[in-house]
Amino acid sequence: MKIKTLILLVFSLLLSCKNKKTEDTPLSSTTSNPAPGPDINNTLGFGILKKLKGIWNGPVTSTTPLGGYPEWIVDFRPISDNQISAKNELDTLNDIHMSFFIARYNNQYKVAFRNGGSFAGMHRVSYFLADSVSENGASSYYRFVEIIKGKNRAYTEVIFKADSLYIKSYTNKTNTQPASTPHMAWSAKLQDSTSCMPAISNFNFPKKTQTKDFTSAFTGQTETIYYNLASDPYPENAQPYLGQTTASYSFAAGYSPVSSKKVFLIITTQPLFSGFVFNTINLKFRSRYVILNSADHNFTFNYMHPGVYYYYALYDNDGNNTFNSGDWISTSNTTFTLGNQSIVNTATQINFTIP
C-alpha cells in the first residue's frame, strides 16, 4: 500500500502496450475463439471477460524512472452484461480507469480495452482492440493493440495462468520510437472472487452483447489516444452501474497531526478489525485507497462499484508510506452501502495508535 505503488499505477498504465511472447505467454495453445466477423457470437477475446473478475494484487516492474514496486491492487467487477471495469485514484490530480467491453469496428466484434486517467493533472484516454487470442485449459493469452496505428504505437498483453494474472504494456513513447518497447509489467495473484459476485449475478455476466459501435467513432483521428477528453467516444461519465462515495475523517482528542504528513483512506469489502485486533489476512479485500495531505479531510471516490464496504483512515506518523507501530488509525469498522449511480457520504475518526 505504498504511495509510489499508486503513482506507478497511474503513470505506467496511462500509456500502453509489444509483440514478442514472454516467458509468461502461452507458446503453444489451442485457439478457442473463432475468427472475428459480423456475428457477435464470434467476438474475439470474449473469454477475458470471464477471467478478469475479482480483486488482484501483485508487484509491478517498469522501465520508467519510477522503477518497480511491490504492490498494485485492482478490483475488477462487471458494470453491464458485457463490460468489466476498475478505477483507482492517487489524489485529486491522479487516477486511472480501465474497462474491457464488446465493441463493433470494421464490421467485426472484438473486446475493446479502454485505458484512461490523469497524471499530475494531464489527461489521456487510449483505446485498443483484441487482435490475438490463445486459450487452453492451462493458460490464456490476449493482445490488445492501438486501433489505428497498431502495435507499433502501443499494445497490451493480458495473460492468465491458474490464479495468476500478468499484464504487460508496450509503447513507442508518444511516437518517438519506430516501434513499441516494454513499458511496464504487473504480476498479480487473485485475492478475492466473492466481492464481485453480486454484480455477476445481477447482469448474468458475461453475455455476448454490444457495448459500443465504433464504426465511425475514430473518423479523422490519427490514433486512438486522446489528450482532449472532449473528443472521447466513450467518456468516463458514460460508464454504467457506478456510484460515488465521499469519505471524510477527523482526529480524536489528543491527536494533533502535522500538515506535511500523509493520511491513507482505505476502503475494503471485509472488516479489518475484530474489536482492536487487526485482521491482517483481510488486507486482501482492499478495493480502493487514496493518499491525502493530513490537512485534507475528505475525498470523493468516483465511478465506484456498488456494494457493501468498510472504511478506514490511517495517519502515517513516521512518514514511511506504510502502516506500522506508532502510526494512528481508525479502529471502527465504518460500514456503508453504495447503490447503482448513488451518492454516499461516510466518515470515520482516527483514534488509536498502533502499538
Foldseek 3Di string as FASTA:
>chain_A
DFLLLQLCVQPQQLAFAAPDDDPQRDPDFAAPQDDWALDLVRAAPQVVQVVPAAKKWAKKAFPDPSGIDGIDIWHWADQAQFKIKTKAAAAPATIKIWMWGWEAEPRTIYIKIWIWIGRNNFTKIFIWTWDDWGDDDAKIKTKTFWDQPTQQAKIWIWMDGDQKIKIWIWGCVRPPHRGTDTGMMTIIGGLDNPQRVVRCVVRVHHDSDHDYYCHPLQVPPNTRMDRPCVSPPQDPVNRWFFEKEKEFEEEDPPDDDDQAWKKKKWKFQDFQDDQNDGDVSRVSRTHYMYMDGPVDGIGMDTRHHWDKIFIKMKTPRVRPRDDDAFIWMFRDRFMDTDGIHYYYYTYTYGYDGHD
